[in-house]
PDB file of N, CA and C in Angstrom:
ATOM      1  N   MET A   1       0.562  -1.333   0.150  1.00  0.00           N
ATOM      2  CA  MET A   1       0.260   0.047  -0.149  1.00  0.00           C
ATOM      3  C   MET A   1       0.724   0.952   0.038  1.00  0.00           C
ATOM      4  N   GLY A   2       2.118   1.153   0.366  1.00  0.00           N
ATOM      5  CA  GLY A   2       3.176   2.232   0.052  1.00  0.00           C
ATOM      6  C   GLY A   2       2.639   3.199   1.452  1.00  0.00           C
ATOM      7  N   GLU A   3       2.932   4.680   1.266  1.00  0.00           N
ATOM      8  CA  GLU A   3       3.289   4.943   2.177  1.00  0.00           C
ATOM      9  C   GLU A   3       1.560   6.234   2.633  1.00  0.00           C
ATOM     10  N   PHE A   4       1.172   6.445   0.977  1.00  0.00           N
ATOM     11  CA  PHE A   4      -0.041   6.805   0.282  1.00  0.00           C
ATOM     12  C   PHE A   4      -1.381   5.700   0.320  1.00  0.00           C
ATOM     13  N   PRO A   5      -2.225   5.476   1.079  1.00  0.00           N
ATOM     14  CA  PRO A   5      -3.477   4.686   1.359  1.00  0.00           C
ATOM     15  C   PRO A   5      -4.135   5.408   1.299  1.00  0.00           C
ATOM     16  N   ASN A   6      -4.032   7.124   1.344  1.00  0.00           N
ATOM     17  CA  ASN A   6      -5.610   7.138   0.854  1.00  0.00           C
ATOM     18  C   ASN A   6      -5.495   7.613  -0.795  1.00  0.00           C
ATOM     19  N   THR A   7      -4.589   7.690  -1.124  1.00  0.00           N
ATOM     20  CA  THR A   7      -4.544   7.718  -3.016  1.00  0.00           C
ATOM     21  C   THR A   7      -4.711   6.260  -3.085  1.00  0.00           C
ATOM     22  N   LEU A   8      -4.424   4.959  -2.602  1.00  0.00           N
ATOM     23  CA  LEU A   8      -4.993   4.293  -3.105  1.00  0.00           C
ATOM     24  C   LEU A   8      -6.412   3.638  -3.222  1.00  0.00           C
ATOM     25  N   SER A   9      -7.273   4.459  -2.276  1.00  0.00           N
ATOM     26  CA  SER A   9      -8.078   4.885  -1.930  1.00  0.00           C
ATOM     27  C   SER A   9      -8.885   5.159  -2.861  1.00  0.00           C
ATOM     28  N   GLY A  10      -8.715   6.238  -3.255  1.00  0.00           N
ATOM     29  CA  GLY A  10      -9.268   7.469  -3.958  1.00  0.00           C
ATOM     30  C   GLY A  10      -9.295   6.455  -5.450  1.00  0.00           C
ATOM     31  N   LEU A  11      -7.864   5.794  -6.163  1.00  0.00           N
ATOM     32  CA  LEU A  11      -8.034   5.164  -7.127  1.00  0.00           C
ATOM     33  C   LEU A  11      -9.390   3.949  -7.340  1.00  0.00           C
ATOM     34  N   MET A  12      -9.173   2.771  -6.109  1.00  0.00           N
ATOM     35  CA  MET A  12     -10.090   2.703  -6.160  1.00  0.00           C
ATOM     36  C   MET A  12     -11.248   2.516  -6.706  1.00  0.00           C
ATOM     37  N   LYS A  13     -11.849   3.747  -5.722  1.00  0.00           N
ATOM     38  CA  LYS A  13     -12.835   4.445  -5.478  1.00  0.00           C
ATOM     39  C   LYS A  13     -12.817   4.773  -6.806  1.00  0.00           C
ATOM     40  N   TRP A  14     -12.679   5.385  -7.859  1.00  0.00           N
ATOM     41  CA  TRP A  14     -12.399   5.884  -9.054  1.00  0.00           C
ATOM     42  C   TRP A  14     -12.357   4.622  -9.967  1.00  0.00           C
ATOM     43  N   ALA A  15     -11.650   3.649 -10.059  1.00  0.00           N
ATOM     44  CA  ALA A  15     -11.962   2.657 -10.468  1.00  0.00           C
ATOM     45  C   ALA A  15     -13.344   1.847 -10.635  1.00  0.00           C
ATOM     46  N   LEU A  16     -13.761   1.126  -9.546  1.00  0.00           N
ATOM     47  CA  LEU A  16     -15.411   0.979  -8.846  1.00  0.00           C
ATOM     48  C   LEU A  16     -16.774   1.664  -9.854  1.00  0.00           C
ATOM     49  N   LEU A  17     -16.441   3.003  -9.522  1.00  0.00           N
ATOM     50  CA  LEU A  17     -17.088   4.233 -10.191  1.00  0.00           C
ATOM     51  C   LEU A  17     -17.403   3.675 -11.975  1.00  0.00           C
ATOM     52  N   THR A  18     -16.182   3.661 -12.436  1.00  0.00           N
ATOM     53  CA  THR A  18     -16.138   3.344 -13.988  1.00  0.00           C
ATOM     54  C   THR A  18     -17.103   2.044 -13.962  1.00  0.00           C
ATOM     55  N   VAL A  19     -15.960   1.310 -13.445  1.00  0.00           N
ATOM     56  CA  VAL A  19     -16.880   0.122 -13.626  1.00  0.00           C
ATOM     57  C   VAL A  19     -18.010   0.172 -13.520  1.00  0.00           C
ATOM     58  N   ASP A  20     -18.596   0.464 -12.465  1.00  0.00           N
ATOM     59  CA  ASP A  20     -20.198   0.476 -12.390  1.00  0.00           C
ATOM     60  C   ASP A  20     -21.001   1.227 -13.178  1.00  0.00           C
ATOM     61  N   THR A  21     -20.629   2.848 -13.301  1.00  0.00           N
ATOM     62  CA  THR A  21     -21.185   3.036 -14.896  1.00  0.00           C
ATOM     63  C   THR A  21     -20.857   2.858 -16.117  1.00  0.00           C
ATOM     64  N   ARG A  22     -20.184   2.105 -16.432  1.00  0.00           N
ATOM     65  CA  ARG A  22     -19.827   0.940 -17.751  1.00  0.00           C
ATOM     66  C   ARG A  22     -20.765   0.178 -17.360  1.00  0.00           C
ATOM     67  N   CYS A  23     -21.168  -0.717 -16.654  1.00  0.00           N
ATOM     68  CA  CYS A  23     -22.174  -1.847 -16.376  1.00  0.00           C
ATOM     69  C   CYS A  23     -23.622  -1.262 -16.139  1.00  0.00           C
ATOM     70  N   ASN A  24     -23.424  -0.206 -16.022  1.00  0.00           N
ATOM     71  CA  ASN A  24     -25.181   0.391 -16.082  1.00  0.00           C
ATOM     72  C   ASN A  24     -25.929   0.820 -17.414  1.00  0.00           C
ATOM     73  N   GLY A  25     -24.686   1.309 -18.027  1.00  0.00           N
ATOM     74  CA  GLY A  25     -24.635   1.659 -19.603  1.00  0.00           C
ATOM     75  C   GLY A  25     -25.156   0.704 -20.366  1.00  0.00           C
ATOM     76  N   VAL A  26     -24.780  -0.393 -20.063  1.00  0.00           N
ATOM     77  CA  VAL A  26     -25.294  -2.064 -20.985  1.00  0.00           C
ATOM     78  C   VAL A  26     -25.967  -2.957 -20.291  1.00  0.00           C
ATOM     79  N   ARG A  27     -26.330  -2.129 -19.543  1.00  0.00           N
ATOM     80  CA  ARG A  27     -27.382  -3.127 -18.529  1.00  0.00           C
ATOM     81  C   ARG A  27     -26.997  -4.539 -17.781  1.00  0.00           C
ATOM     82  N   LEU A  28     -25.605  -4.553 -17.603  1.00  0.00           N
ATOM     83  CA  LEU A  28     -25.173  -5.258 -17.210  1.00  0.00           C
ATOM     84  C   LEU A  28     -25.468  -5.680 -15.409  1.00  0.00           C
ATOM     85  N   SER A  29     -25.399  -6.795 -14.726  1.00  0.00           N
ATOM     86  CA  SER A  29     -25.505  -5.975 -13.246  1.00  0.00           C
ATOM     87  C   SER A  29     -24.454  -7.113 -12.976  1.00  0.00           C
ATOM     88  N   VAL A  30     -23.450  -7.122 -11.419  1.00  0.00           N
ATOM     89  CA  VAL A  30     -22.841  -7.842 -11.067  1.00  0.00           C
ATOM     90  C   VAL A  30     -23.327  -7.721  -9.442  1.00  0.00           C
ATOM     91  N   ASN A  31     -22.985  -8.605  -9.064  1.00  0.00           N
ATOM     92  CA  ASN A  31     -23.668  -9.449  -7.423  1.00  0.00           C
ATOM     93  C   ASN A  31     -22.018  -8.620  -6.706  1.00  0.00           C
ATOM     94  N   PRO A  32     -22.394  -7.773  -5.741  1.00  0.00           N
ATOM     95  CA  PRO A  32     -21.242  -6.935  -4.983  1.00  0.00           C
ATOM     96  C   PRO A  32     -21.176  -8.023  -4.262  1.00  0.00           C
ATOM     97  N   ASP A  33     -21.618  -8.875  -4.143  1.00  0.00           N
ATOM     98  CA  ASP A  33     -21.737  -9.916  -2.573  1.00  0.00           C
ATOM     99  C   ASP A  33     -20.580 -11.019  -2.884  1.00  0.00           C
ATOM    100  N   LYS A  34     -20.749 -11.291  -4.275  1.00  0.00           N
ATOM    101  CA  LYS A  34     -19.155 -12.006  -4.728  1.00  0.00           C
ATOM    102  C   LYS A  34     -17.661 -11.774  -4.652  1.00  0.00           C
ATOM    103  N   ILE A  35     -18.194 -10.415  -4.460  1.00  0.00           N
ATOM    104  CA  ILE A  35     -16.570  -9.497  -4.658  1.00  0.00           C
ATOM    105  C   ILE A  35     -15.920  -9.258  -3.249  1.00  0.00           C
ATOM    106  N   GLY A  36     -14.647 -10.227  -3.181  1.00  0.00           N
ATOM    107  CA  GLY A  36     -13.809  -9.606  -2.063  1.00  0.00           C
ATOM    108  C   GLY A  36     -12.025  -8.802  -2.525  1.00  0.00           C
ATOM    109  N   SER A  37     -12.216  -8.067  -1.387  1.00  0.00           N
ATOM    110  CA  SER A  37     -10.977  -7.108  -1.562  1.00  0.00           C
ATOM    111  C   SER A  37      -9.690  -7.507  -0.357  1.00  0.00           C
ATOM    112  N   VAL A  38      -8.652  -8.009  -0.851  1.00  0.00           N
ATOM    113  CA  VAL A  38      -7.683  -8.482  -0.217  1.00  0.00           C
ATOM    114  C   VAL A  38      -6.087  -7.002  -0.073  1.00  0.00           C
ATOM    115  N   ALA A  39      -5.960  -6.250   0.759  1.00  0.00           N
ATOM    116  CA  ALA A  39      -5.004  -6.006   0.982  1.00  0.00           C
ATOM    117  C   ALA A  39      -3.295  -6.532   0.996  1.00  0.00           C
ATOM    118  N   PHE A  40      -2.505  -6.504  -0.030  1.00  0.00           N
ATOM    119  CA  PHE A  40      -1.485  -7.335  -0.229  1.00  0.00           C
ATOM    120  C   PHE A  40      -0.624  -6.604   1.024  1.00  0.00           C
ATOM    121  N   THR A  41      -0.416  -6.707   2.234  1.00  0.00           N
ATOM    122  CA  THR A  41       0.692  -6.036   2.804  1.00  0.00           C
ATOM    123  C   THR A  41       1.007  -6.911   3.565  1.00  0.00           C
ATOM    124  N   ARG A  42       2.163  -6.542   4.644  1.00  0.00           N
ATOM    125  CA  ARG A  42       2.299  -6.870   5.982  1.00  0.00           C
ATOM    126  C   ARG A  42       2.278  -6.157   6.831  1.00  0.00           C
ATOM    127  N   LYS A  43       1.561  -5.418   6.872  1.00  0.00           N
ATOM    128  CA  LYS A  43       0.943  -4.433   8.178  1.00  0.00           C
ATOM    129  C   LYS A  43      -0.717  -4.397   8.366  1.00  0.00           C
ATOM    130  N   ARG A  44      -0.186  -4.542  10.101  1.00  0.00           N
ATOM    131  CA  ARG A  44      -1.772  -4.691  10.144  1.00  0.00           C
ATOM    132  C   ARG A  44      -3.184  -4.156  10.367  1.00  0.00           C
ATOM    133  N   LYS A  45      -2.114  -2.962  10.542  1.00  0.00           N
ATOM    134  CA  LYS A  45      -3.130  -1.649  10.216  1.00  0.00           C
ATOM    135  C   LYS A  45      -3.104  -0.809   9.253  1.00  0.00           C
ATOM    136  N   LEU A  46      -4.260  -0.319   8.528  1.00  0.00           N
ATOM    137  CA  LEU A  46      -3.887   0.559   7.429  1.00  0.00           C
ATOM    138  C   LEU A  46      -4.789   1.845   7.731  1.00  0.00           C
ATOM    139  N   PRO A  47      -3.960   3.029   8.140  1.00  0.00           N
ATOM    140  CA  PRO A  47      -4.422   3.876   9.047  1.00  0.00           C
ATOM    141  C   PRO A  47      -4.481   4.744   7.384  1.00  0.00           C
ATOM    142  N   GLY A  48      -5.777   5.737   7.410  1.00  0.00           N
ATOM    143  CA  GLY A  48      -5.961   6.566   6.042  1.00  0.00           C
ATOM    144  C   GLY A  48      -6.578   5.598   5.104  1.00  0.00           C
ATOM    145  N   PHE A  49      -6.929   4.396   5.286  1.00  0.00           N
ATOM    146  CA  PHE A  49      -7.295   3.228   3.645  1.00  0.00           C
ATOM    147  C   PHE A  49      -8.866   3.229   4.139  1.00  0.00           C
ATOM    148  N   PHE A  50      -9.913   4.195   3.279  1.00  0.00           N
ATOM    149  CA  PHE A  50     -11.424   3.870   3.563  1.00  0.00           C
ATOM    150  C   PHE A  50     -11.636   2.970   2.716  1.00  0.00           C
ATOM    151  N   GLU A  51     -12.697   2.079   3.096  1.00  0.00           N
ATOM    152  CA  GLU A  51     -13.356   1.531   2.183  1.00  0.00           C
ATOM    153  C   GLU A  51     -14.192   0.983   1.552  1.00  0.00           C
ATOM    154  N   PRO A  52     -14.040   1.115  -0.072  1.00  0.00           N
ATOM    155  CA  PRO A  52     -14.795   1.951  -1.065  1.00  0.00           C
ATOM    156  C   PRO A  52     -16.708   1.067  -1.065  1.00  0.00           C
ATOM    157  N   GLN A  53     -17.184   1.741  -1.974  1.00  0.00           N
ATOM    158  CA  GLN A  53     -18.553   1.038  -2.479  1.00  0.00           C
ATOM    159  C   GLN A  53     -18.762   0.646  -3.552  1.00  0.00           C
ATOM    160  N   PHE A  54     -19.598  -0.435  -4.068  1.00  0.00           N
ATOM    161  CA  PHE A  54     -19.235  -1.297  -5.481  1.00  0.00           C
ATOM    162  C   PHE A  54     -21.061  -1.410  -5.725  1.00  0.00           C
ATOM    163  N   PHE A  55     -21.521  -0.789  -6.756  1.00  0.00           N
ATOM    164  CA  PHE A  55     -23.243  -1.308  -6.592  1.00  0.00           C
ATOM    165  C   PHE A  55     -24.024  -0.458  -5.290  1.00  0.00           C
ATOM    166  N   GLY A  56     -23.379   0.663  -4.283  1.00  0.00           N
ATOM    167  CA  GLY A  56     -23.840   0.509  -3.645  1.00  0.00           C
ATOM    168  C   GLY A  56     -23.792  -0.201  -1.821  1.00  0.00           C
ATOM    169  N   VAL A  57     -22.565  -1.022  -2.228  1.00  0.00           N
ATOM    170  CA  VAL A  57     -22.546  -2.053  -1.323  1.00  0.00           C
ATOM    171  C   VAL A  57     -21.072  -1.915  -1.008  1.00  0.00           C
ATOM    172  N   GLN A  58     -20.830  -1.489   0.806  1.00  0.00           N
ATOM    173  CA  GLN A  58     -19.646  -1.194   1.571  1.00  0.00           C
ATOM    174  C   GLN A  58     -18.766  -2.517   1.156  1.00  0.00           C
ATOM    175  N   LEU A  59     -17.595  -2.780   0.575  1.00  0.00           N
ATOM    176  CA  LEU A  59     -16.360  -3.730   0.544  1.00  0.00           C
ATOM    177  C   LEU A  59     -15.624  -3.678   1.499  1.00  0.00           C
ATOM    178  N   SER A  60     -15.425  -4.921   2.190  1.00  0.00           N
ATOM    179  CA  SER A  60     -14.498  -4.388   3.315  1.00  0.00           C
ATOM    180  C   SER A  60     -13.451  -5.593   2.969  1.00  0.00           C
ATOM    181  N   LEU A  61     -12.475  -5.294   3.737  1.00  0.00           N
ATOM    182  CA  LEU A  61     -11.348  -6.098   3.122  1.00  0.00           C
ATOM    183  C   LEU A  61     -11.554  -7.327   4.254  1.00  0.00           C
ATOM    184  N   SER A  62     -11.051  -8.300   3.691  1.00  0.00           N
ATOM    185  CA  SER A  62     -11.143  -9.628   4.133  1.00  0.00           C
ATOM    186  C   SER A  62      -9.484 -10.497   4.080  1.00  0.00           C
ATOM    187  N   GLY A  63      -9.046 -11.007   4.717  1.00  0.00           N
ATOM    188  CA  GLY A  63      -8.019 -11.693   4.847  1.00  0.00           C
ATOM    189  C   GLY A  63      -7.363 -12.957   3.985  1.00  0.00           C
ATOM    190  N   LEU A  64      -8.167 -12.913   3.141  1.00  0.00           N
ATOM    191  CA  LEU A  64      -7.963 -14.132   1.931  1.00  0.00           C
ATOM    192  C   LEU A  64      -9.219 -14.113   1.565  1.00  0.00           C
ATOM    193  N   VAL A  65      -8.714 -14.236  -0.380  1.00  0.00           N
ATOM    194  CA  VAL A  65      -9.808 -14.811  -1.681  1.00  0.00           C
ATOM    195  C   VAL A  65      -9.505 -15.668  -2.436  1.00  0.00           C
ATOM    196  N   LYS A  66     -10.658 -16.099  -2.888  1.00  0.00           N
ATOM    197  CA  LYS A  66     -10.333 -17.388  -3.909  1.00  0.00           C
ATOM    198  C   LYS A  66     -10.101 -16.712  -4.826  1.00  0.00           C
ATOM    199  N   TYR A  67      -9.337 -17.093  -6.071  1.00  0.00           N
ATOM    200  CA  TYR A  67      -9.642 -16.772  -6.956  1.00  0.00           C
ATOM    201  C   TYR A  67      -9.471 -17.916  -7.930  1.00  0.00           C
ATOM    202  N   LEU A  68     -10.011 -18.842  -8.916  1.00  0.00           N
ATOM    203  CA  LEU A  68      -9.331 -19.815 -10.060  1.00  0.00           C
ATOM    204  C   LEU A  68      -9.576 -21.104  -9.046  1.00  0.00           C
ATOM    205  N   GLY A  69      -9.498 -21.146  -8.333  1.00  0.00           N
ATOM    206  CA  GLY A  69      -9.408 -22.152  -6.997  1.00  0.00           C
ATOM    207  C   GLY A  69      -8.521 -22.071  -6.512  1.00  0.00           C
ATOM    208  N   VAL A  70      -7.555 -20.639  -6.517  1.00  0.00           N
ATOM    209  CA  VAL A  70      -6.539 -20.489  -5.383  1.00  0.00           C
ATOM    210  C   VAL A  70      -6.810 -19.098  -4.175  1.00  0.00           C
ATOM    211  N   ILE A  71      -6.245 -19.806  -3.140  1.00  0.00           N
ATOM    212  CA  ILE A  71      -6.519 -19.269  -2.120  1.00  0.00           C
ATOM    213  C   ILE A  71      -5.613 -18.304  -1.585  1.00  0.00           C
ATOM    214  N   LEU A  72      -5.319 -16.794  -2.488  1.00  0.00           N
ATOM    215  CA  LEU A  72      -4.385 -15.880  -2.007  1.00  0.00           C
ATOM    216  C   LEU A  72      -4.733 -15.407  -0.549  1.00  0.00           C
ATOM    217  N   ASP A  73      -4.040 -15.323   0.325  1.00  0.00           N
ATOM    218  CA  ASP A  73      -4.169 -14.332   1.593  1.00  0.00           C
ATOM    219  C   ASP A  73      -3.607 -13.339   2.362  1.00  0.00           C
ATOM    220  N   SER A  74      -3.489 -12.319   2.631  1.00  0.00           N
ATOM    221  CA  SER A  74      -3.553 -11.162   2.712  1.00  0.00           C
ATOM    222  C   SER A  74      -1.444 -11.215   2.606  1.00  0.00           C
ATOM    223  N   GLN A  75      -1.174 -11.847   2.838  1.00  0.00           N
ATOM    224  CA  GLN A  75       0.029 -11.848   3.057  1.00  0.00           C
ATOM    225  C   GLN A  75       1.455 -12.839   2.170  1.00  0.00           C
ATOM    226  N   LEU A  76       0.036 -13.423   1.290  1.00  0.00           N
ATOM    227  CA  LEU A  76       0.718 -14.408   0.502  1.00  0.00           C
ATOM    228  C   LEU A  76       1.673 -15.057   0.609  1.00  0.00           C
ATOM    229  N   THR A  77       0.782 -15.961   1.411  1.00  0.00           N
ATOM    230  CA  THR A  77       1.634 -17.363   2.031  1.00  0.00           C
ATOM    231  C   THR A  77       1.298 -18.467   0.863  1.00  0.00           C
ATOM    232  N   TRP A  78       0.010 -18.255   0.672  1.00  0.00           N
ATOM    233  CA  TRP A  78      -0.715 -19.305  -0.338  1.00  0.00           C
ATOM    234  C   TRP A  78      -1.176 -20.541   0.978  1.00  0.00           C
TER     235      TRP A  78
END
Protein backbone atom coordinates (compact mmCIF):
# COMPACT_ATOMS: atom_id res chain seq x y z
CA MET A 1 0.00 0.00 0.00
CA GLY A 2 3.00 2.22 0.23
CA GLU A 3 2.97 5.45 2.13
CA PHE A 4 -0.21 6.82 0.60
CA PRO A 5 -3.17 4.53 1.40
CA ASN A 6 -5.56 7.45 0.96
CA THR A 7 -4.43 7.83 -2.67
CA LEU A 8 -4.90 4.12 -3.24
CA SER A 9 -8.40 4.32 -1.78
CA GLY A 10 -9.24 7.17 -4.13
CA LEU A 11 -7.98 5.25 -7.15
CA MET A 12 -9.99 2.20 -6.15
CA LYS A 13 -13.09 4.35 -5.73
CA TRP A 14 -12.60 5.88 -9.18
CA ALA A 15 -12.04 2.47 -10.84
CA LEU A 16 -15.10 0.90 -9.19
CA LEU A 17 -17.24 3.91 -10.12
CA THR A 18 -16.08 3.54 -13.75
CA VAL A 19 -17.04 -0.15 -13.77
CA ASP A 20 -20.37 0.68 -12.13
CA THR A 21 -21.15 3.35 -14.74
CA ARG A 22 -20.22 1.16 -17.71
CA CYS A 23 -22.18 -1.81 -16.37
CA ASN A 24 -25.25 0.37 -15.91
CA GLY A 25 -24.77 1.75 -19.44
CA VAL A 26 -25.01 -1.69 -21.04
CA ARG A 27 -27.53 -3.04 -18.49
CA LEU A 28 -25.10 -5.54 -17.02
CA SER A 29 -25.59 -6.55 -13.41
CA VAL A 30 -22.86 -7.49 -10.97
CA ASN A 31 -23.31 -9.21 -7.62
CA PRO A 32 -21.20 -7.19 -5.15
CA ASP A 33 -21.63 -9.91 -2.51
CA LYS A 34 -19.33 -12.15 -4.56
CA ILE A 35 -16.54 -9.58 -4.69
CA GLY A 36 -13.65 -9.84 -2.26
CA SER A 37 -10.93 -7.34 -1.55
CA VAL A 38 -7.58 -8.08 0.05
CA ALA A 39 -4.77 -5.69 0.89
CA PHE A 40 -1.54 -7.52 0.14
CA THR A 41 0.66 -6.03 2.84
CA ARG A 42 2.58 -6.96 5.96
CA LYS A 43 1.01 -4.14 7.94
CA ARG A 44 -1.64 -5.01 10.50
CA LYS A 45 -3.45 -1.68 10.34
CA LEU A 46 -3.98 0.56 7.36
CA PRO A 47 -4.41 4.13 8.59
CA GLY A 48 -6.03 6.42 6.06
CA PHE A 49 -7.51 3.57 4.02
CA PHE A 50 -11.26 3.71 3.54
CA GLU A 51 -13.33 0.85 2.20
CA PRO A 52 -14.86 1.58 -1.22
CA GLN A 53 -18.45 1.05 -2.33
CA PHE A 54 -19.49 -0.96 -5.36
CA PHE A 55 -23.09 -0.91 -6.59
CA GLY A 56 -24.08 0.66 -3.26
CA VAL A 57 -22.48 -2.08 -1.14
CA GLN A 58 -19.55 -1.36 1.17
CA LEU A 59 -16.60 -3.63 0.24
CA SER A 60 -14.77 -4.66 3.37
CA LEU A 61 -11.23 -5.98 3.47
CA SER A 62 -10.85 -9.65 4.15
CA GLY A 63 -7.83 -11.74 5.03
CA LEU A 64 -8.09 -14.00 2.00
CA VAL A 65 -9.81 -14.40 -1.33
CA LYS A 66 -10.34 -17.36 -3.64
CA TYR A 67 -9.51 -16.77 -7.31
CA LEU A 68 -9.81 -19.56 -9.89
CA GLY A 69 -9.52 -22.17 -7.15
CA VAL A 70 -6.39 -20.64 -5.61
CA ILE A 71 -6.71 -19.13 -2.15
CA LEU A 72 -4.67 -15.94 -1.77
CA ASP A 73 -4.14 -14.54 1.71
CA SER A 74 -3.10 -11.02 2.64
CA GLN A 75 0.56 -11.99 3.16
CA LEU A 76 0.73 -14.18 0.03
CA THR A 77 1.68 -17.33 1.92
CA TRP A 78 -0.67 -19.35 -0.33
